[in-house]
């Protein structure tokens, strides 16, 4: 809610809390400045890439991990895509919801 945070600022923080809504919105800023054949004229402005991808995170903890689980067709949602694109040394997923399938299915991409 406070707006853009520079990657250098984020890198100095021990804890950064980010909502699923923010992750879903930021996925649109991952592939920046790509050409679009659907436009009559090229864009005259640059899209600022998401600062979340500019930081190498030591650990990413995802609460309510069932939110990032793919659907029955193996398709993922935008939050899942963004979680996988984040640069991290360690990834943790936590949930209070019981596992519905198998433990292995929870780790499939």
N, C-alpha and C. Protein backbone atom coordinates (compact mmCIF):
# COMPACT_ATOMS: atom_id res chain seq x y z
N UNK A 1 0.81 -1.20 0.00
CA UNK A 1 0.00 0.00 0.00
C UNK A 1 0.86 1.26 0.00
N UNK A 2 2.14 1.13 0.25
CA UNK A 2 3.01 2.30 0.30
C UNK A 2 3.67 2.58 -1.05
N UNK A 3 3.38 1.82 -2.06
CA UNK A 3 3.94 2.08 -3.38
C UNK A 3 5.23 1.33 -3.65
N UNK A 4 5.91 1.77 -4.69
CA UNK A 4 7.13 1.12 -5.17
C UNK A 4 8.24 1.17 -4.13
N UNK A 5 8.91 0.05 -3.95
CA UNK A 5 10.09 -0.03 -3.08
C UNK A 5 11.27 -0.44 -3.95
N UNK A 6 12.36 0.29 -3.85
CA UNK A 6 13.55 0.00 -4.64
C UNK A 6 14.15 -1.33 -4.18
N UNK A 7 14.70 -2.13 -5.11
CA UNK A 7 15.30 -3.42 -4.73
C UNK A 7 16.38 -3.30 -3.66
N UNK A 8 17.17 -2.23 -3.69
CA UNK A 8 18.20 -2.05 -2.66
C UNK A 8 17.58 -1.90 -1.28
N UNK A 9 16.45 -1.23 -1.21
CA UNK A 9 15.74 -1.08 0.06
C UNK A 9 15.23 -2.44 0.53
N UNK A 10 14.61 -3.20 -0.38
CA UNK A 10 14.09 -4.52 -0.01
C UNK A 10 15.21 -5.45 0.46
N UNK A 11 16.37 -5.35 -0.17
CA UNK A 11 17.50 -6.23 0.18
C UNK A 11 18.03 -5.96 1.58
N UNK A 12 17.78 -4.78 2.12
CA UNK A 12 18.27 -4.47 3.47
C UNK A 12 17.31 -4.94 4.56
N UNK A 13 16.14 -5.39 4.19
CA UNK A 13 15.12 -5.80 5.16
C UNK A 13 15.32 -7.27 5.53
N UNK A 14 15.13 -7.59 6.79
CA UNK A 14 15.19 -8.99 7.24
C UNK A 14 13.90 -9.73 6.88
N UNK A 15 12.78 -9.02 6.93
CA UNK A 15 11.48 -9.63 6.63
C UNK A 15 10.72 -8.69 5.71
N UNK A 16 10.19 -9.24 4.63
CA UNK A 16 9.32 -8.49 3.72
C UNK A 16 8.03 -9.29 3.60
N UNK A 17 6.92 -8.67 3.94
CA UNK A 17 5.62 -9.34 3.85
C UNK A 17 4.93 -8.86 2.59
N UNK A 18 4.47 -9.81 1.82
CA UNK A 18 3.85 -9.51 0.53
C UNK A 18 2.57 -10.34 0.40
N UNK A 19 1.51 -9.73 -0.05
CA UNK A 19 0.23 -10.44 -0.18
C UNK A 19 0.19 -11.23 -1.49
N UNK A 20 -0.72 -12.20 -1.56
CA UNK A 20 -0.93 -12.95 -2.80
C UNK A 20 -1.41 -12.01 -3.90
N UNK A 21 -2.19 -11.02 -3.53
CA UNK A 21 -2.69 -10.05 -4.50
C UNK A 21 -1.52 -9.29 -5.15
N UNK A 22 -0.55 -8.88 -4.35
CA UNK A 22 0.62 -8.18 -4.88
C UNK A 22 1.41 -9.09 -5.81
N UNK A 23 1.61 -10.35 -5.41
CA UNK A 23 2.33 -11.30 -6.27
C UNK A 23 1.61 -11.47 -7.61
N UNK A 24 0.29 -11.61 -7.56
CA UNK A 24 -0.48 -11.79 -8.79
C UNK A 24 -0.37 -10.56 -9.69
N UNK A 25 -0.38 -9.38 -9.11
CA UNK A 25 -0.27 -8.14 -9.90
C UNK A 25 1.14 -7.94 -10.46
N UNK A 26 2.16 -8.33 -9.71
CA UNK A 26 3.55 -8.13 -10.12
C UNK A 26 3.97 -9.04 -11.27
N UNK A 27 3.27 -10.14 -11.48
CA UNK A 27 3.65 -11.07 -12.55
C UNK A 27 3.59 -10.37 -13.91
N UNK A 28 2.78 -9.32 -14.02
CA UNK A 28 2.67 -8.58 -15.28
C UNK A 28 3.90 -7.72 -15.57
N UNK A 29 4.77 -7.56 -14.57
CA UNK A 29 5.97 -6.74 -14.74
C UNK A 29 7.23 -7.60 -14.80
N UNK A 30 7.06 -8.89 -15.05
CA UNK A 30 8.20 -9.81 -15.11
C UNK A 30 8.91 -9.70 -16.44
N UNK A 31 8.19 -9.88 -17.51
CA UNK A 31 8.78 -9.79 -18.84
C UNK A 31 8.58 -8.36 -19.32
N UNK A 32 9.58 -7.55 -19.08
CA UNK A 32 9.44 -6.13 -19.37
C UNK A 32 9.91 -5.79 -20.77
N UNK A 33 9.33 -4.76 -21.28
CA UNK A 33 9.76 -4.14 -22.53
C UNK A 33 9.79 -5.10 -23.71
N UNK A 34 8.86 -6.02 -23.74
CA UNK A 34 8.78 -6.94 -24.87
C UNK A 34 7.97 -6.28 -25.98
N UNK A 35 8.24 -6.66 -27.20
CA UNK A 35 7.51 -6.10 -28.33
C UNK A 35 6.18 -6.83 -28.47
N UNK A 36 5.19 -6.08 -28.82
CA UNK A 36 3.87 -6.67 -29.01
C UNK A 36 3.45 -6.46 -30.45
N UNK A 37 3.12 -7.55 -31.13
CA UNK A 37 2.70 -7.46 -32.52
C UNK A 37 1.30 -6.88 -32.64
N UNK A 38 0.57 -6.84 -31.53
CA UNK A 38 -0.80 -6.36 -31.59
C UNK A 38 -0.88 -4.83 -31.59
N UNK A 39 0.21 -4.16 -31.31
CA UNK A 39 0.21 -2.70 -31.28
C UNK A 39 0.55 -2.14 -32.66
N UNK A 40 -0.10 -1.06 -33.02
CA UNK A 40 0.19 -0.43 -34.31
C UNK A 40 1.54 0.27 -34.29
N UNK A 41 1.84 0.87 -33.15
CA UNK A 41 3.12 1.56 -32.98
C UNK A 41 3.81 1.00 -31.75
N UNK A 42 5.13 0.99 -31.75
CA UNK A 42 5.83 0.50 -30.56
C UNK A 42 5.59 1.42 -29.36
N UNK A 43 5.65 0.86 -28.19
CA UNK A 43 5.49 1.65 -26.96
C UNK A 43 6.63 2.65 -26.84
N UNK A 44 6.32 3.84 -26.36
CA UNK A 44 7.34 4.87 -26.19
C UNK A 44 7.80 4.97 -24.75
N UNK A 45 7.38 4.05 -23.93
CA UNK A 45 7.78 4.08 -22.53
C UNK A 45 8.25 2.69 -22.11
N UNK A 46 9.03 2.66 -21.07
CA UNK A 46 9.53 1.40 -20.55
C UNK A 46 8.71 0.99 -19.34
N UNK A 47 8.47 -0.29 -19.21
CA UNK A 47 7.77 -0.81 -18.04
C UNK A 47 8.82 -1.11 -16.98
N UNK A 48 8.61 -0.60 -15.79
CA UNK A 48 9.55 -0.85 -14.69
C UNK A 48 9.40 -2.28 -14.22
N UNK A 49 10.49 -3.05 -14.20
CA UNK A 49 10.38 -4.43 -13.73
C UNK A 49 10.07 -4.48 -12.24
N UNK A 50 9.48 -5.58 -11.82
CA UNK A 50 9.14 -5.73 -10.41
C UNK A 50 10.40 -5.82 -9.55
N UNK A 51 10.47 -5.09 -8.45
CA UNK A 51 11.65 -5.16 -7.58
C UNK A 51 11.76 -6.50 -6.87
N UNK A 52 10.69 -7.25 -6.79
CA UNK A 52 10.72 -8.55 -6.10
C UNK A 52 11.66 -9.53 -6.79
N UNK A 53 11.86 -9.36 -8.10
CA UNK A 53 12.74 -10.27 -8.83
C UNK A 53 14.19 -9.83 -8.83
N UNK A 54 14.46 -8.61 -8.40
CA UNK A 54 15.82 -8.09 -8.41
C UNK A 54 16.61 -8.49 -7.17
N UNK A 55 15.94 -9.05 -6.19
CA UNK A 55 16.58 -9.41 -4.92
C UNK A 55 16.76 -10.91 -4.87
N UNK A 56 17.93 -11.36 -4.38
CA UNK A 56 18.10 -12.78 -4.10
C UNK A 56 17.70 -12.98 -2.63
N UNK A 57 16.58 -13.63 -2.43
CA UNK A 57 16.04 -13.84 -1.10
C UNK A 57 16.70 -15.04 -0.45
N UNK A 58 16.99 -14.95 0.83
CA UNK A 58 17.54 -16.10 1.55
C UNK A 58 16.46 -17.15 1.74
N UNK A 59 15.27 -16.71 2.09
CA UNK A 59 14.18 -17.65 2.33
C UNK A 59 12.86 -17.00 1.94
N UNK A 60 12.05 -17.75 1.22
CA UNK A 60 10.69 -17.33 0.92
C UNK A 60 9.76 -18.27 1.67
N UNK A 61 8.91 -17.71 2.49
CA UNK A 61 7.91 -18.50 3.23
C UNK A 61 6.54 -18.17 2.66
N UNK A 62 5.85 -19.17 2.17
CA UNK A 62 4.51 -18.97 1.63
C UNK A 62 3.52 -19.55 2.62
N UNK A 63 2.70 -18.68 3.20
CA UNK A 63 1.64 -19.15 4.09
C UNK A 63 0.43 -19.50 3.24
N UNK A 64 -0.39 -20.38 3.75
CA UNK A 64 -1.56 -20.86 3.00
C UNK A 64 -1.10 -21.43 1.65
N UNK A 65 -0.20 -22.39 1.72
CA UNK A 65 0.44 -22.95 0.53
C UNK A 65 -0.54 -23.56 -0.46
N UNK A 66 -1.73 -23.93 0.01
CA UNK A 66 -2.71 -24.52 -0.90
C UNK A 66 -3.14 -23.52 -1.98
N UNK A 67 -2.91 -22.23 -1.74
CA UNK A 67 -3.26 -21.21 -2.73
C UNK A 67 -2.39 -21.35 -3.98
N UNK A 68 -1.14 -21.77 -3.81
CA UNK A 68 -0.24 -21.86 -4.97
C UNK A 68 -0.26 -23.24 -5.62
N UNK A 69 -1.07 -24.15 -5.10
CA UNK A 69 -1.17 -25.48 -5.68
C UNK A 69 -1.86 -25.38 -7.03
N UNK A 70 -1.37 -26.10 -8.02
CA UNK A 70 -1.99 -26.12 -9.34
C UNK A 70 -3.34 -26.80 -9.28
N UNK A 71 -4.17 -26.56 -10.30
CA UNK A 71 -5.48 -27.20 -10.31
C UNK A 71 -5.38 -28.63 -10.81
N UNK A 72 -6.50 -29.31 -10.95
CA UNK A 72 -6.50 -30.73 -11.32
C UNK A 72 -5.97 -30.97 -12.73
N UNK A 73 -5.94 -29.94 -13.57
CA UNK A 73 -5.41 -30.08 -14.93
C UNK A 73 -3.92 -29.81 -15.00
N UNK A 74 -3.31 -29.53 -13.85
CA UNK A 74 -1.88 -29.25 -13.83
C UNK A 74 -1.55 -27.81 -14.16
N UNK A 75 -2.57 -26.97 -14.25
CA UNK A 75 -2.34 -25.57 -14.56
C UNK A 75 -2.08 -24.79 -13.28
N UNK A 76 -1.20 -23.84 -13.37
CA UNK A 76 -0.91 -23.01 -12.20
C UNK A 76 -1.57 -21.65 -12.36
N UNK A 77 -1.67 -20.94 -11.28
CA UNK A 77 -2.23 -19.60 -11.34
C UNK A 77 -1.10 -18.57 -11.35
N UNK A 78 -1.46 -17.30 -11.42
CA UNK A 78 -0.43 -16.27 -11.51
C UNK A 78 0.41 -16.17 -10.24
N UNK A 79 -0.19 -16.46 -9.09
CA UNK A 79 0.58 -16.44 -7.84
C UNK A 79 1.64 -17.53 -7.87
N UNK A 80 1.28 -18.71 -8.35
CA UNK A 80 2.23 -19.81 -8.47
C UNK A 80 3.37 -19.43 -9.40
N UNK A 81 3.04 -18.85 -10.55
CA UNK A 81 4.06 -18.43 -11.51
C UNK A 81 5.05 -17.47 -10.86
N UNK A 82 4.52 -16.50 -10.15
CA UNK A 82 5.38 -15.49 -9.54
C UNK A 82 6.25 -16.10 -8.44
N UNK A 83 5.69 -17.01 -7.65
CA UNK A 83 6.48 -17.66 -6.59
C UNK A 83 7.66 -18.41 -7.18
N UNK A 84 7.47 -19.07 -8.33
CA UNK A 84 8.56 -19.81 -8.95
C UNK A 84 9.59 -18.89 -9.59
N UNK A 85 9.18 -17.70 -10.00
CA UNK A 85 10.12 -16.77 -10.64
C UNK A 85 11.00 -16.04 -9.63
N UNK A 86 10.57 -15.97 -8.37
CA UNK A 86 11.37 -15.29 -7.35
C UNK A 86 12.68 -16.02 -7.14
N UNK A 87 13.76 -15.27 -7.01
CA UNK A 87 15.10 -15.81 -6.83
C UNK A 87 15.32 -16.06 -5.34
N UNK A 88 15.43 -17.34 -4.95
CA UNK A 88 15.55 -17.65 -3.53
C UNK A 88 16.49 -18.83 -3.30
N UNK A 89 17.20 -18.79 -2.18
CA UNK A 89 18.06 -19.89 -1.77
C UNK A 89 17.20 -21.00 -1.17
N UNK A 90 16.24 -20.63 -0.33
CA UNK A 90 15.36 -21.60 0.33
C UNK A 90 13.91 -21.20 0.11
N UNK A 91 13.05 -22.21 -0.02
CA UNK A 91 11.61 -21.97 -0.18
C UNK A 91 10.86 -22.83 0.83
N UNK A 92 10.00 -22.18 1.59
CA UNK A 92 9.18 -22.89 2.57
C UNK A 92 7.72 -22.64 2.23
N UNK A 93 6.92 -23.68 2.35
CA UNK A 93 5.48 -23.56 2.20
C UNK A 93 4.84 -24.09 3.47
N UNK A 94 3.97 -23.30 4.07
CA UNK A 94 3.29 -23.72 5.29
C UNK A 94 1.79 -23.59 5.09
N UNK A 95 1.06 -24.45 5.77
CA UNK A 95 -0.39 -24.41 5.69
C UNK A 95 -0.99 -25.11 6.90
N UNK A 96 -2.17 -24.72 7.25
CA UNK A 96 -2.91 -25.40 8.31
C UNK A 96 -3.94 -26.35 7.72
N UNK A 97 -4.03 -26.35 6.39
CA UNK A 97 -4.99 -27.20 5.70
C UNK A 97 -4.41 -28.59 5.51
N UNK A 98 -5.17 -29.64 5.83
CA UNK A 98 -4.65 -31.00 5.65
C UNK A 98 -4.34 -31.30 4.17
N UNK A 99 -3.34 -32.14 3.93
CA UNK A 99 -2.97 -32.55 2.58
C UNK A 99 -4.07 -33.43 2.02
N UNK A 100 -4.54 -33.11 0.81
CA UNK A 100 -5.65 -33.85 0.21
C UNK A 100 -5.17 -35.01 -0.65
N UNK A 101 -4.03 -34.87 -1.29
CA UNK A 101 -3.53 -35.92 -2.17
C UNK A 101 -2.38 -36.66 -1.49
N UNK A 102 -1.20 -36.58 -2.06
CA UNK A 102 -0.01 -37.17 -1.46
C UNK A 102 1.00 -36.07 -1.21
N UNK A 103 1.97 -36.36 -0.39
CA UNK A 103 3.01 -35.37 -0.12
C UNK A 103 3.75 -35.02 -1.41
N UNK A 104 4.00 -36.02 -2.26
CA UNK A 104 4.71 -35.77 -3.52
C UNK A 104 3.92 -34.81 -4.42
N UNK A 105 2.61 -34.91 -4.43
CA UNK A 105 1.81 -34.04 -5.30
C UNK A 105 1.90 -32.58 -4.86
N UNK A 106 2.18 -32.35 -3.60
CA UNK A 106 2.31 -30.98 -3.10
C UNK A 106 3.57 -30.31 -3.62
N UNK A 107 4.57 -31.09 -4.03
CA UNK A 107 5.84 -30.53 -4.48
C UNK A 107 5.99 -30.53 -6.00
N UNK A 108 4.99 -31.01 -6.71
CA UNK A 108 5.07 -31.02 -8.17
C UNK A 108 4.83 -29.63 -8.69
N UNK A 109 5.48 -29.34 -9.78
CA UNK A 109 5.36 -28.03 -10.40
C UNK A 109 4.37 -28.04 -11.50
